[in-house]
C-alpha atoms as a PDB file:
ATOM      1  CA  MET A   1      20.821  31.726   2.771  1.00  0.00           C
ATOM      2  CA  ALA A   2      17.214  31.274   4.478  1.00  0.00           C
ATOM      3  CA  GLU A   3      14.379  32.829   2.949  1.00  0.00           C
ATOM      4  CA  GLY A   4      13.291  36.245   4.798  1.00  0.00           C
ATOM      5  CA  TYR A   5      16.688  37.002   5.101  1.00  0.00           C
ATOM      6  CA  ASP A   6      19.070  40.030   3.785  1.00  0.00           C
ATOM      7  CA  CYS A   7      22.525  38.843   3.335  1.00  0.00           C
ATOM      8  CA  ASN A   8      25.530  40.947   2.554  1.00  0.00           C
ATOM      9  CA  LEU A   9      28.872  39.918   1.853  1.00  0.00           C
ATOM     10  CA  GLU A  10      31.797  42.146   3.253  1.00  0.00           C
ATOM     11  CA  LEU A  11      35.313  41.616   1.249  1.00  0.00           C
ATOM     12  CA  GLY A  12      38.715  42.897   2.771  1.00  0.00           C
ATOM     13  CA  PHE A  13      42.330  43.150   3.057  1.00  0.00           C
ATOM     14  CA  THR A  14      44.003  41.674   5.978  1.00  0.00           C
ATOM     15  CA  ALA A  15      47.544  43.823   5.886  1.00  0.00           C
ATOM     16  CA  LEU A  16      45.073  47.067   6.232  1.00  0.00           C
ATOM     17  CA  GLY A  17      42.902  45.551   8.985  1.00  0.00           C
ATOM     18  CA  ALA A  18      39.712  47.241   7.245  1.00  0.00           C
ATOM     19  CA  SER A  19      37.440  45.849   5.287  1.00  0.00           C
ATOM     20  CA  GLY A  20      37.382  46.831   1.463  1.00  0.00           C
ATOM     21  CA  HIS A  21      33.750  46.656  -0.242  1.00  0.00           C
ATOM     22  CA  LEU A  22      30.068  45.627   1.056  1.00  0.00           C
ATOM     23  CA  VAL A  23      27.548  43.965  -1.350  1.00  0.00           C
ATOM     24  CA  ASN A  24      24.200  42.985  -1.270  1.00  0.00           C
ATOM     25  CA  ILE A  25      23.734  38.793  -1.604  1.00  0.00           C
ATOM     26  CA  SER A  26      21.129  37.584  -3.957  1.00  0.00           C
ATOM     27  CA  SER A  27      22.372  34.086  -4.119  1.00  0.00           C
ATOM     28  CA  ALA A  28      24.851  31.523  -2.623  1.00  0.00           C
ATOM     29  CA  VAL A  29      25.740  27.932  -4.112  1.00  0.00           C
ATOM     30  CA  PRO A  30      28.416  25.276  -3.335  1.00  0.00           C
ATOM     31  CA  MET A  31      30.547  24.473  -6.365  1.00  0.00           C
ATOM     32  CA  SER A  32      32.583  21.654  -5.028  1.00  0.00           C
ATOM     33  CA  GLY A  33      34.807  20.640  -2.278  1.00  0.00           C
ATOM     34  CA  ASP A  34      35.476  24.263  -0.352  1.00  0.00           C
ATOM     35  CA  SER A  35      34.001  26.642  -2.868  1.00  0.00           C
ATOM     36  CA  CYS A  36      31.475  28.625  -2.941  1.00  0.00           C
ATOM     37  CA  GLN A  37      29.646  30.792  -5.921  1.00  0.00           C
ATOM     38  CA  ILE A  38      28.361  33.979  -4.696  1.00  0.00           C
ATOM     39  CA  ALA A  39      26.059  36.180  -7.274  1.00  0.00           C
ATOM     40  CA  VAL A  40      25.830  39.612  -5.816  1.00  0.00           C
ATOM     41  CA  VAL A  41      24.395  42.855  -6.685  1.00  0.00           C
ATOM     42  CA  ASP A  42      26.670  44.677  -8.943  1.00  0.00           C
ATOM     43  CA  THR A  43      27.838  47.875  -7.160  1.00  0.00           C
ATOM     44  CA  GLY A  44      30.460  49.063  -8.899  1.00  0.00           C
ATOM     45  CA  LYS A  45      28.922  51.118 -11.275  1.00  0.00           C
ATOM     46  CA  GLN A  46      28.077  54.606  -9.594  1.00  0.00           C
ATOM     47  CA  GLY A  47      26.961  56.713 -12.553  1.00  0.00           C
ATOM     48  CA  ASP A  48      29.103  60.335 -13.010  1.00  0.00           C
ATOM     49  CA  GLY A  49      29.622  61.176  -9.597  1.00  0.00           C
ATOM     50  CA  ARG A  50      26.949  64.046  -9.132  1.00  0.00           C
ATOM     51  CA  GLY A  51      23.757  61.805  -8.927  1.00  0.00           C
ATOM     52  CA  ILE A  52      23.897  61.436 -12.987  1.00  0.00           C
ATOM     53  CA  GLY A  53      23.710  58.044 -14.707  1.00  0.00           C
ATOM     54  CA  VAL A  54      23.280  55.499 -11.649  1.00  0.00           C
ATOM     55  CA  PRO A  55      21.792  52.440 -13.256  1.00  0.00           C
ATOM     56  CA  TYR A  56      18.347  51.742 -11.972  1.00  0.00           C
ATOM     57  CA  ASP A  57      19.338  48.089 -12.707  1.00  0.00           C
ATOM     58  CA  ALA A  58      22.944  47.644 -11.655  1.00  0.00           C
ATOM     59  CA  GLY A  59      23.326  44.026 -12.811  1.00  0.00           C
ATOM     60  CA  TYR A  60      25.461  41.239 -11.275  1.00  0.00           C
ATOM     61  CA  GLN A  61      28.827  40.012 -10.152  1.00  0.00           C
ATOM     62  CA  ASN A  62      29.523  36.280  -9.495  1.00  0.00           C
ATOM     63  CA  TRP A  63      32.333  35.508  -6.987  1.00  0.00           C
ATOM     64  CA  SER A  64      34.004  32.332  -5.784  1.00  0.00           C
ATOM     65  CA  ILE A  65      35.711  32.117  -2.533  1.00  0.00           C
ATOM     66  CA  GLN A  66      37.541  28.982  -1.705  1.00  0.00           C
ATOM     67  CA  THR A  67      40.514  28.001   0.683  1.00  0.00           C
ATOM     68  CA  LYS A  68      43.663  28.357  -1.412  1.00  0.00           C
ATOM     69  CA  SER A  69      45.431  24.596  -2.281  1.00  0.00           C
ATOM     70  CA  ASN A  70      48.614  25.484  -0.210  1.00  0.00           C
ATOM     71  CA  ALA A  71      46.047  26.211   3.178  1.00  0.00           C
ATOM     72  CA  SER A  72      47.355  29.760   3.347  1.00  0.00           C
ATOM     73  CA  GLY A  73      44.199  31.726   2.750  1.00  0.00           C
ATOM     74  CA  ILE A  74      41.457  32.435   0.908  1.00  0.00           C
ATOM     75  CA  SER A  75      41.680  32.989  -2.232  1.00  0.00           C
ATOM     76  CA  ILE A  76      38.458  35.729  -3.827  1.00  0.00           C
ATOM     77  CA  HIS A  77      37.964  35.915  -7.332  1.00  0.00           C
ATOM     78  CA  ASN A  78      35.120  37.986  -9.472  1.00  0.00           C
ATOM     79  CA  PHE A  79      34.616  35.661 -12.267  1.00  0.00           C
ATOM     80  CA  LYS A  80      31.540  37.405 -13.995  1.00  0.00           C
ATOM     81  CA  GLY A  81      30.362  40.649 -14.343  1.00  0.00           C
ATOM     82  CA  ASP A  82      30.926  44.278 -15.447  1.00  0.00           C
ATOM     83  CA  ASP A  83      34.326  45.440 -14.290  1.00  0.00           C
ATOM     84  CA  LYS A  84      35.624  42.015 -12.919  1.00  0.00           C
ATOM     85  CA  ARG A  85      39.416  43.025 -13.715  1.00  0.00           C
ATOM     86  CA  ILE A  86      39.449  46.213 -11.562  1.00  0.00           C
ATOM     87  CA  TRP A  87      37.822  44.497  -8.775  1.00  0.00           C
ATOM     88  CA  ASN A  88      40.364  41.368  -9.066  1.00  0.00           C
ATOM     89  CA  SER A  89      43.298  43.799  -8.800  1.00  0.00           C
ATOM     90  CA  PHE A  90      42.224  44.946  -5.438  1.00  0.00           C
ATOM     91  CA  GLY A  91      43.286  41.583  -4.395  1.00  0.00           C
ATOM     92  CA  PHE A  92      40.808  40.853  -1.851  1.00  0.00           C
ATOM     93  CA  ASN A  93      42.078  38.136   0.938  1.00  0.00           C
ATOM     94  CA  ALA A  94      39.162  38.449   3.463  1.00  0.00           C
ATOM     95  CA  SER A  95      35.671  37.742   3.623  1.00  0.00           C
ATOM     96  CA  GLU A  96      32.829  37.746   6.057  1.00  0.00           C
ATOM     97  CA  TYR A  97      28.881  37.586   5.786  1.00  0.00           C
ATOM     98  CA  ARG A  98      26.054  38.728   7.485  1.00  0.00           C
ATOM     99  CA  CYS A  99      22.017  37.909   7.249  1.00  0.00           C
ATOM    100  CA  CYS A 100      19.818  40.126   8.979  1.00  0.00           C
ATOM    101  CA  LYS A 101      16.051  38.316   9.259  1.00  0.00           C
ATOM    102  CA  ILE A 102      13.422  40.878   7.504  1.00  0.00           C
ATOM    103  CA  ILE A 103      10.540  41.704   9.431  1.00  0.00           C
ATOM    104  CA  ASP A 104       7.528  42.879   8.640  1.00  0.00           C
END
């Protein structure tokens, strides 16, 4: 992630042929070998559905994305942040990121 860019992470399901969730990346760092830790803005907290209680500071989640040991795809795991058990139950198996340069 270069300074002056806004980056988003898209998590999806290849079986459905569609994306599942798009989040803003706040930082990304390599962990070991082929894995990466990605901190994202926690967009899981959406309030009560009527526009009441939507958090001003949503917090962050940490995701790891790495090649599976048997080379049959990638492993996507939310290992820190609110509702990580719920997010991991979706079984995301595809990811993509996009960065756009911010122009003043």
